[in-house]
Protein backbone atom coordinates (compact mmCIF):
# COMPACT_ATOMS: atom_id res chain seq x y z
CA UNK A 1 -118.13 83.48 219.97
CA UNK A 2 -121.78 81.06 221.29
CA UNK A 3 -120.47 77.97 223.30
CA UNK A 4 -121.85 74.81 221.66
CA UNK A 5 -123.32 71.91 222.96
CA UNK A 6 -120.26 70.17 222.05
CA UNK A 7 -118.13 72.62 223.63
CA UNK A 8 -120.07 72.78 226.82
CA UNK A 9 -119.64 68.93 226.80
CA UNK A 10 -115.82 69.43 226.95
CA UNK A 11 -116.45 71.99 229.37
CA UNK A 12 -118.15 69.86 231.70
CA UNK A 13 -115.56 66.63 231.11
CA UNK A 14 -112.35 68.99 232.05
CA UNK A 15 -114.15 70.23 235.46
CA UNK A 16 -114.47 66.83 235.92
CA UNK A 17 -111.31 66.27 236.24
CA UNK A 18 -110.81 69.03 237.87
CA UNK A 19 -112.97 68.03 240.85
CA UNK A 20 -115.09 64.88 240.80
CA UNK A 21 -117.51 66.50 243.27
CA UNK A 22 -120.84 65.78 242.61
CA UNK A 23 -122.08 69.36 244.19
CA UNK A 24 -119.45 71.14 242.19
CA UNK A 25 -120.52 68.97 238.99
CA UNK A 26 -123.90 70.39 239.81
CA UNK A 27 -123.48 73.61 240.01
CA UNK A 28 -121.03 73.41 236.59
CA UNK A 29 -124.13 71.69 234.83
CA UNK A 30 -126.41 74.27 236.06
CA UNK A 31 -125.11 77.37 234.55
CA UNK A 32 -124.13 75.19 231.14
CA UNK A 33 -127.54 74.53 231.14
CA UNK A 34 -128.25 78.11 231.74
CA UNK A 35 -126.16 79.43 229.59
CA UNK A 36 -126.69 82.78 227.27
CA UNK A 37 -125.90 82.51 223.84
CA UNK A 38 -123.05 85.12 224.24
CA UNK A 39 -121.18 83.35 226.58
CA UNK A 40 -117.88 82.25 225.40
CA UNK A 41 -116.19 79.63 226.83
CA UNK A 42 -113.44 81.77 228.64
CA UNK A 43 -116.28 83.79 229.91
CA UNK A 44 -117.71 80.25 231.45
CA UNK A 45 -114.41 78.73 232.62
CA UNK A 46 -114.00 81.40 234.77
CA UNK A 47 -117.58 81.42 236.79
CA UNK A 48 -116.35 77.92 237.21
CA UNK A 49 -112.80 78.97 238.77
CA UNK A 50 -115.60 81.20 241.19
CA UNK A 51 -117.34 78.25 242.59
CA UNK A 52 -114.07 76.02 242.81
CA UNK A 53 -112.32 78.75 245.12
CA UNK A 54 -115.39 79.01 247.23
CA UNK A 55 -116.06 75.22 247.82
CA UNK A 56 -112.39 74.27 247.32
CA UNK A 57 -109.92 77.09 248.09
CA UNK A 58 -107.70 78.80 245.67
CA UNK A 59 -106.26 76.60 242.94
CA UNK A 60 -102.41 76.44 242.14
CA UNK A 61 -100.35 79.48 240.74
CA UNK A 62 -99.03 79.01 237.43
CA UNK A 63 -96.28 81.49 238.38
CA UNK A 64 -93.18 79.55 238.65
CA UNK A 65 -94.19 78.01 235.32
CA UNK A 66 -94.58 81.13 233.57
CA UNK A 67 -91.54 82.70 234.80
CA UNK A 68 -89.95 79.45 233.32
CA UNK A 69 -91.43 80.07 229.68
CA UNK A 70 -90.86 83.86 229.95
CA UNK A 71 -87.01 83.07 230.49
CA UNK A 72 -87.12 80.40 228.11
CA UNK A 73 -88.23 83.09 225.27
CA UNK A 74 -86.40 86.08 226.39
CA UNK A 75 -83.03 83.51 226.11
CA UNK A 76 -84.01 83.00 222.73
CA UNK A 77 -85.21 87.09 221.87
CA UNK A 78 -82.12 87.93 220.13
CA UNK A 79 -81.46 85.39 217.99
CA UNK A 80 -84.76 85.03 216.79
CA UNK A 81 -84.59 88.61 215.89
CA UNK A 82 -81.35 88.32 213.92
CA UNK A 83 -83.11 85.70 212.10
CA UNK A 84 -86.25 87.59 211.38
CA UNK A 85 -84.03 90.80 210.06
CA UNK A 86 -81.85 87.99 208.22
CA UNK A 87 -85.49 86.78 206.68
CA UNK A 88 -86.70 87.27 202.88
CA UNK A 89 -89.87 88.90 204.45
CA UNK A 90 -88.92 90.08 208.24
CA UNK A 91 -92.96 90.86 208.83
CA UNK A 92 -93.89 87.75 207.69
CA UNK A 93 -91.80 85.84 209.68
CA UNK A 94 -92.59 87.95 212.81
CA UNK A 95 -96.14 86.79 212.31
CA UNK A 96 -95.11 83.18 211.90
CA UNK A 97 -93.00 83.10 214.91
CA UNK A 98 -95.69 84.90 216.91
CA UNK A 99 -98.10 82.10 216.12
CA UNK A 100 -95.85 79.74 217.23
CA UNK A 101 -96.05 81.07 220.34
CA UNK A 102 -99.59 80.17 220.78
CA UNK A 103 -98.17 76.37 221.19
CA UNK A 104 -97.47 77.87 225.07
CA UNK A 105 -101.39 77.00 226.20
CA UNK A 106 -101.59 75.25 229.86
CA UNK A 107 -104.78 75.09 229.55
CA UNK A 108 -105.14 73.36 226.36
CA UNK A 109 -101.58 71.53 225.76
CA UNK A 110 -99.24 69.53 227.58
CA UNK A 111 -96.29 72.00 226.44
CA UNK A 112 -93.16 70.29 225.84
CA UNK A 113 -90.55 72.34 225.40
CA UNK A 114 -88.68 70.17 223.06
CA UNK A 115 -92.13 70.49 220.74
CA UNK A 116 -92.16 73.94 220.91
CA UNK A 117 -88.11 74.73 219.77
CA UNK A 118 -88.68 72.59 217.18
CA UNK A 119 -91.91 74.42 215.71
CA UNK A 120 -89.70 77.04 214.45
CA UNK A 121 -88.07 76.00 211.81
CA UNK A 122 -91.40 73.94 210.40
CA UNK A 123 -93.91 77.45 210.41
CA UNK A 124 -95.24 78.63 207.19
CA UNK A 125 -98.12 80.52 205.63
CA UNK A 126 -100.95 78.39 203.96
CA UNK A 127 -102.40 80.30 200.59
CA UNK A 128 -105.29 81.24 202.96
CA UNK A 129 -102.56 83.11 205.75
CA UNK A 130 -101.18 84.94 202.70
CA UNK A 131 -104.09 86.57 201.74
CA UNK A 132 -104.72 87.68 205.21
CA UNK A 133 -101.27 88.50 205.32
CA UNK A 134 -101.51 90.59 202.33
CA UNK A 135 -104.15 92.29 203.76
CA UNK A 136 -102.40 93.29 207.07
CA UNK A 137 -99.50 94.50 204.84
CA UNK A 138 -102.02 96.93 203.42
CA UNK A 139 -104.12 97.81 206.69
CA UNK A 140 -100.71 98.48 208.11
CA UNK A 141 -99.47 101.08 205.94
CA UNK A 142 -101.82 103.55 206.84
CA UNK A 143 -101.79 102.47 210.42
CA UNK A 144 -101.30 105.21 213.23
CA UNK A 145 -102.76 102.86 216.20
CA UNK A 146 -101.64 99.03 216.78
CA UNK A 147 -103.24 96.92 219.27
CA UNK A 148 -102.09 93.44 220.46
CA UNK A 149 -104.75 91.60 222.75
CA UNK A 150 -101.96 89.40 224.38
CA UNK A 151 -102.69 85.81 225.34
CA UNK A 152 -99.97 83.30 227.20
CA UNK A 153 -96.79 83.66 228.96
CA UNK A 154 -93.80 83.18 226.90
CA UNK A 155 -96.11 83.74 224.06
CA UNK A 156 -95.73 87.54 224.72
CA UNK A 157 -91.98 87.91 223.90
CA UNK A 158 -92.72 86.51 220.63
CA UNK A 159 -95.51 88.85 220.25
CA UNK A 160 -92.81 91.58 221.35
CA UNK A 161 -90.78 90.67 218.32
CA UNK A 162 -93.99 91.23 216.19
CA UNK A 163 -94.54 94.83 217.62
CA UNK A 164 -90.93 95.64 217.45
CA UNK A 165 -90.58 94.64 213.47
CA UNK A 166 -93.81 96.58 212.75
CA UNK A 167 -92.97 99.97 214.69
CA UNK A 168 -89.09 99.27 212.44
CA UNK A 169 -91.30 99.15 209.19
CA UNK A 170 -93.61 101.84 210.23
CA UNK A 171 -91.85 104.45 212.28
CA UNK A 172 -94.76 106.84 213.46
CA UNK A 173 -96.81 103.99 214.79
CA UNK A 174 -98.14 103.83 218.24
CA UNK A 175 -98.65 100.53 219.69
CA UNK A 176 -100.62 99.37 222.68
CA UNK A 177 -100.79 95.69 224.40
CA UNK A 178 -104.00 94.69 226.25
CA UNK A 179 -103.33 91.65 229.03
CA UNK A 180 -105.28 90.36 231.88
CA UNK A 181 -106.17 92.05 234.74
CA UNK A 182 -105.46 89.23 236.87
CA UNK A 183 -103.87 86.02 237.17
CA UNK A 184 -105.60 83.27 234.63
CA UNK A 185 -103.97 80.16 233.73
CA UNK A 186 -101.11 81.13 232.18
CA UNK A 187 -102.23 84.37 230.40
CA UNK A 188 -99.77 87.64 230.40
CA UNK A 189 -100.54 89.40 233.55
CA UNK A 190 -98.20 92.85 234.21
CA UNK A 191 -96.01 90.86 236.09
CA UNK A 192 -95.30 88.77 233.07
CA UNK A 193 -95.02 92.08 231.43
CA UNK A 194 -92.65 93.39 233.46
CA UNK A 195 -90.65 90.25 233.14
CA UNK A 196 -90.43 90.70 229.54
CA UNK A 197 -89.82 94.05 229.23
CA UNK A 198 -93.11 94.80 226.78
CA UNK A 199 -93.14 98.35 227.58
CA UNK A 200 -90.22 98.35 225.27
CA UNK A 201 -92.21 98.45 222.34
CA UNK A 202 -95.74 98.98 223.49
CA UNK A 203 -98.36 101.00 226.19
CA UNK A 204 -99.29 98.03 228.70
CA UNK A 205 -102.98 98.18 229.41
CA UNK A 206 -104.30 95.56 232.23
CA UNK A 207 -107.97 94.57 230.97
CA UNK A 208 -109.31 95.21 234.51
CA UNK A 209 -111.06 91.43 234.82
CA UNK A 210 -109.58 87.72 235.41
CA UNK A 211 -111.18 85.95 232.24
CA UNK A 212 -108.76 84.13 229.67
CA UNK A 213 -110.44 86.18 226.83
CA UNK A 214 -110.64 89.79 226.07
CA UNK A 215 -114.72 90.31 226.46
CA UNK A 216 -114.92 94.16 224.86
CA UNK A 217 -118.15 94.35 227.09
CA UNK A 218 -116.77 93.35 230.40
CA UNK A 219 -113.27 94.76 230.10
CA UNK A 220 -112.37 98.20 231.69
CA UNK A 221 -112.44 101.40 230.16
CA UNK A 222 -109.09 102.53 228.80
CA UNK A 223 -108.78 98.85 227.40
CA UNK A 224 -112.08 100.00 225.74
CA UNK A 225 -110.50 102.98 224.66
CA UNK A 226 -107.42 101.72 222.77
CA UNK A 227 -109.31 99.23 221.03
CA UNK A 228 -111.91 101.87 219.56
CA UNK A 229 -108.67 103.99 218.47
CA UNK A 230 -107.28 100.96 217.09
CA UNK A 231 -106.52 101.34 213.31
CA UNK A 232 -105.68 97.76 213.39
CA UNK A 233 -106.17 94.86 216.37
CA UNK A 234 -104.13 91.49 216.23
CA UNK A 235 -106.03 89.37 218.40
CA UNK A 236 -103.66 86.26 219.96
CA UNK A 237 -104.94 82.93 220.69
CA UNK A 238 -107.71 80.59 221.33
CA UNK A 239 -109.52 82.44 224.44
CA UNK A 240 -109.33 86.05 222.82
CA UNK A 241 -111.21 84.60 219.44
CA UNK A 242 -113.83 82.84 221.49
CA UNK A 243 -113.81 86.21 223.27
CA UNK A 244 -113.40 88.79 220.95
CA UNK A 245 -115.75 87.84 217.48
CA UNK A 246 -118.98 88.97 217.37
CA UNK A 247 -117.98 92.42 219.13
CA UNK A 248 -118.46 94.43 215.66
CA UNK A 249 -115.24 95.78 215.75
CA UNK A 250 -112.69 94.14 212.94
CA UNK A 251 -109.79 92.34 214.12
CA UNK A 252 -107.04 89.90 212.82
CA UNK A 253 -106.78 86.96 214.58
CA UNK A 254 -103.42 84.37 215.00
CA UNK A 255 -104.11 81.23 216.49
CA UNK A 256 -102.85 77.74 216.33
CA UNK A 257 -106.32 74.81 216.58
CA UNK A 258 -105.85 73.43 219.59
CA UNK A 259 -109.45 71.47 220.18
CA UNK A 260 -111.73 69.93 218.26
CA UNK A 261 -114.07 72.93 217.98
CA UNK A 262 -111.65 74.86 215.87
CA UNK A 263 -110.36 72.00 213.64
CA UNK A 264 -114.23 71.51 212.63
CA UNK A 265 -115.13 75.25 212.33
CA UNK A 266 -111.87 76.03 210.04
CA UNK A 267 -111.63 72.37 208.58
CA UNK A 268 -108.08 71.86 209.05
CA UNK A 269 -106.13 69.14 211.16
CA UNK A 270 -105.09 69.78 214.98
CA UNK A 271 -102.70 72.38 215.81
CA UNK A 272 -102.81 73.99 212.50
CA UNK A 273 -101.80 77.93 212.55
CA UNK A 274 -104.26 80.23 211.35
CA UNK A 275 -104.28 83.62 210.32
CA UNK A 276 -107.73 85.00 209.86
CA UNK A 277 -109.82 88.33 209.34
CA UNK A 278 -113.09 88.80 210.98
């Protein structure tokens, strides 16, 4: 997804909040001014990280916070599964819960545990979501290989429940989850996958890159293989939307609109949940 001028301005402001250093900001501005049309926001943010670590050393690890939210949602897992199974349409509920998980994003949201917990009872689908959901159910009927492009810690437990429900409905389904290749923000890495026992429901595929997005041209061969072989792909979060759209590979996108770029693109209020197909 192309980085617009307004998005570039936002990226610059956020970097200024991190390091209000003239030389650092000069290099950030140079990257933004010379960005290619294909450079997404997550890709540019990774270039900033490299400069930041060169000038100021490694940033703070979010590993303790990630473990906290993984544990929080793991503690809810059994109760949420029971709610999913007791609902009128378990798959629909699993999709909604998976989308709620996209709230846990340290990069764009001041994550509040109480707010997060209150979102489950309010989760619902718009008319547009329901149309996408109908397409999704139809595609899943004949799917043999399902791939989820993962996003954040905590959220991944809810993605795990979605995959569990898909495999309950379609017993022959093979599932894979593509995760980040190294620690970036609070995105899912191998450590998180082990903590939440993700391998219980799917093959876990680290994508080989340290970018908060799945960018097809940059991920490793194993990730490309499972994506190429997928009958249905669900891409979670804004980073994956920005990095994967335009790749020519059809996918379903499941996320919350957490910035002005997305609220304007989809003409919805902030924090609106979206379920769209490219």
